[in-house]
Amino acid sequence: MFSMSLKRLVLALLLLLLPVLVFATDGKVMKVKDGDTVVIEGGSSLTCRLYGIDAPEKKQPYGPEAKDHLKSLVYHQTVDYQIVDTDRYGRGICRIRKDGQDINLEMVMSGYAWAYVQYLKRPHASEYIDAEREARNKRLGLWSDYNPTPPWEFRKLQRKRR
């Protein structure tokens, strides 16, 4: 039978390895579609919608800047990714890391995306919400505008106009 200290050691090792195990899939970002969607090649092509964030739409203020920022972080770079779900369009909902950096969180921290609270789950919810609050307070990116329109409201307005 394992002693309690050996069990703790095994648990500690598992916790240390968990980020490596979770992000074991890697691929190269071949296209950045917008501020929250990329195409990754890694044996096959996968369109990844970034988990937990919503960036401005292309035709929305800060949409091109959000795309450019994401491009500067990952375009033609090898990233680690984890598919956490699939959306109604068949895209993978992914968490992406590059050199250990949480790219999804970086988009929020830099002010180029909202924390998509409707879809965030623990343990990421508070981290992403705090990052958005900090970006707002510092007036980074889209937060330099007084009252930016969230993308989900922008999309709703576009549907009504059709």
Protein backbone atom coordinates (compact mmCIF):
# COMPACT_ATOMS: atom_id res chain seq x y z
CA MET A 1 0.00 0.00 0.00
CA PHE A 2 1.23 3.53 -0.80
CA SER A 3 2.27 5.68 2.08
CA MET A 4 0.62 9.09 2.33
CA SER A 5 3.83 10.94 1.36
CA LEU A 6 4.28 8.77 -1.75
CA LYS A 7 0.67 9.46 -2.76
CA ARG A 8 1.30 13.17 -2.36
CA LEU A 9 4.46 12.93 -4.47
CA VAL A 10 2.61 11.11 -7.25
CA LEU A 11 -0.22 13.66 -7.11
CA ALA A 12 2.26 16.55 -7.22
CA LEU A 13 3.98 15.03 -10.26
CA LEU A 14 0.66 14.55 -12.02
CA LEU A 15 -0.30 18.16 -11.34
CA LEU A 16 3.02 19.34 -12.73
CA LEU A 17 2.61 17.22 -15.86
CA LEU A 18 -1.07 18.06 -16.40
CA PRO A 19 -0.42 21.14 -18.58
CA VAL A 20 1.91 19.07 -20.75
CA LEU A 21 -0.60 16.22 -20.99
CA VAL A 22 -3.54 18.52 -21.70
CA PHE A 23 -1.69 20.42 -24.44
CA ALA A 24 -0.06 17.39 -26.05
CA THR A 25 -1.42 18.19 -29.54
CA ASP A 26 0.60 20.62 -31.57
CA GLY A 27 0.33 22.14 -35.01
CA LYS A 28 1.26 25.16 -37.06
CA VAL A 29 -1.09 28.13 -37.39
CA MET A 30 -1.51 28.56 -41.14
CA LYS A 31 -4.24 31.19 -41.14
CA VAL A 32 -5.67 33.76 -38.76
CA LYS A 33 -9.28 34.33 -39.84
CA ASP A 34 -10.10 37.00 -37.26
CA GLY A 35 -9.35 37.90 -33.65
CA ASP A 36 -10.65 34.61 -32.25
CA THR A 37 -10.37 32.03 -35.03
CA VAL A 38 -7.33 30.32 -36.55
CA VAL A 39 -6.63 27.39 -38.85
CA ILE A 40 -4.08 24.90 -37.53
CA GLU A 41 -2.29 22.30 -39.66
CA GLY A 42 -1.06 19.25 -37.80
CA GLY A 43 -1.58 16.23 -40.03
CA SER A 44 -4.96 17.63 -41.01
CA SER A 45 -6.52 21.08 -41.09
CA LEU A 46 -8.51 22.25 -38.09
CA THR A 47 -10.41 25.52 -37.71
CA CYS A 48 -10.14 26.56 -34.07
CA ARG A 49 -12.39 29.09 -32.39
CA LEU A 50 -10.55 30.33 -29.29
CA TYR A 51 -12.23 29.15 -26.11
CA GLY A 52 -13.59 31.66 -23.62
CA ILE A 53 -13.13 34.83 -25.65
CA ASP A 54 -15.04 36.87 -28.21
CA ALA A 55 -13.09 39.35 -30.33
CA PRO A 56 -14.59 42.20 -32.36
CA GLU A 57 -15.94 41.21 -35.77
CA LYS A 58 -13.91 42.12 -38.89
CA LYS A 59 -16.18 45.06 -39.76
CA GLN A 60 -16.42 46.23 -36.17
CA PRO A 61 -14.11 48.81 -34.57
CA TYR A 62 -10.92 47.04 -33.41
CA GLY A 63 -11.75 43.94 -35.46
CA PRO A 64 -8.74 44.37 -37.78
CA GLU A 65 -6.50 45.22 -34.81
CA ALA A 66 -7.64 42.10 -32.92
CA LYS A 67 -6.86 39.96 -35.97
CA ASP A 68 -3.45 41.62 -36.35
CA HIS A 69 -2.63 41.09 -32.68
CA LEU A 70 -3.55 37.39 -32.82
CA LYS A 71 -1.53 37.10 -36.03
CA SER A 72 1.51 38.64 -34.31
CA LEU A 73 1.22 36.01 -31.57
CA VAL A 74 0.72 32.80 -33.57
CA TYR A 75 0.84 33.14 -37.37
CA HIS A 76 3.15 30.53 -38.92
CA GLN A 77 4.07 29.45 -35.39
CA THR A 78 3.84 26.00 -33.85
CA VAL A 79 1.34 26.01 -31.00
CA ASP A 80 0.00 23.50 -28.51
CA TYR A 81 -3.76 23.24 -28.50
CA GLN A 82 -6.54 21.46 -26.69
CA ILE A 83 -9.98 21.00 -28.25
CA VAL A 84 -12.49 21.47 -25.44
CA ASP A 85 -15.68 21.41 -27.53
CA THR A 86 -17.11 21.79 -31.03
CA ASP A 87 -19.37 24.65 -32.06
CA ARG A 88 -22.48 24.52 -34.24
CA TYR A 89 -20.36 25.27 -37.33
CA GLY A 90 -18.12 22.27 -36.72
CA ARG A 91 -15.14 24.32 -35.56
CA GLY A 92 -13.05 23.09 -32.67
CA ILE A 93 -13.31 25.26 -29.57
CA CYS A 94 -9.66 25.39 -28.55
CA ARG A 95 -7.33 26.59 -25.87
CA ILE A 96 -4.06 27.56 -27.51
CA ARG A 97 -0.63 27.90 -25.95
CA LYS A 98 2.62 29.07 -27.45
CA ASP A 99 5.80 28.64 -25.44
CA GLY A 100 3.62 28.12 -22.34
CA GLN A 101 1.64 31.36 -22.87
CA ASP A 102 -2.16 31.11 -22.87
CA ILE A 103 -2.95 32.87 -26.16
CA ASN A 104 -6.70 33.08 -25.45
CA LEU A 105 -6.00 34.87 -22.17
CA GLU A 106 -3.42 37.11 -23.86
CA MET A 107 -6.07 38.38 -26.28
CA VAL A 108 -8.21 39.45 -23.31
CA MET A 109 -5.27 40.87 -21.34
CA SER A 110 -4.17 43.01 -24.29
CA GLY A 111 -7.67 44.45 -24.76
CA TYR A 112 -8.50 42.75 -28.05
CA ALA A 113 -11.22 40.40 -26.82
CA TRP A 114 -13.95 40.10 -24.24
CA ALA A 115 -14.02 37.31 -21.71
CA TYR A 116 -16.94 35.32 -23.16
CA VAL A 117 -18.59 34.81 -19.78
CA GLN A 118 -21.54 32.92 -21.25
CA TYR A 119 -19.21 30.06 -22.24
CA LEU A 120 -16.42 30.24 -19.65
CA LYS A 121 -16.10 27.45 -17.12
CA ARG A 122 -13.96 26.97 -14.07
CA PRO A 123 -11.04 27.25 -13.55
CA HIS A 124 -10.66 29.81 -16.36
CA ALA A 125 -13.66 32.05 -15.69
CA SER A 126 -12.22 34.19 -12.92
CA GLU A 127 -8.82 34.49 -14.63
CA TYR A 128 -10.34 35.70 -17.90
CA ILE A 129 -12.83 38.02 -16.16
CA ASP A 130 -10.03 39.53 -14.06
CA ALA A 131 -7.91 40.00 -17.20
CA GLU A 132 -10.76 41.84 -18.92
CA ARG A 133 -11.27 44.07 -15.88
CA GLU A 134 -7.56 44.90 -15.86
CA ALA A 135 -7.53 45.70 -19.61
CA ARG A 136 -10.60 47.93 -19.13
CA ASN A 137 -8.96 49.77 -16.24
CA LYS A 138 -5.80 50.33 -18.31
CA ARG A 139 -7.93 51.31 -21.36
CA LEU A 140 -6.05 48.86 -23.58
CA GLY A 141 -7.07 48.04 -27.13
CA LEU A 142 -10.83 48.23 -27.65
CA TRP A 143 -11.22 49.57 -24.12
CA SER A 144 -9.77 52.89 -25.26
CA ASP A 145 -13.31 53.51 -26.57
CA TYR A 146 -15.77 54.72 -23.97
CA ASN A 147 -18.41 52.02 -24.52
CA PRO A 148 -17.40 49.44 -27.15
CA THR A 149 -20.13 47.23 -28.60
CA PRO A 150 -19.64 43.57 -27.69
CA PRO A 151 -19.42 41.30 -30.75
CA TRP A 152 -22.50 39.28 -29.75
CA GLU A 153 -24.55 42.52 -29.82
CA PHE A 154 -22.93 43.59 -33.11
CA ARG A 155 -23.85 40.22 -34.69
CA LYS A 156 -27.42 40.53 -33.44
CA LEU A 157 -27.72 44.01 -35.01
CA GLN A 158 -26.33 42.69 -38.31
CA ARG A 159 -28.93 39.88 -38.38
CA LYS A 160 -31.76 42.36 -37.78
CA ARG A 161 -30.61 44.51 -40.73
CA ARG A 162 -30.86 41.59 -43.18
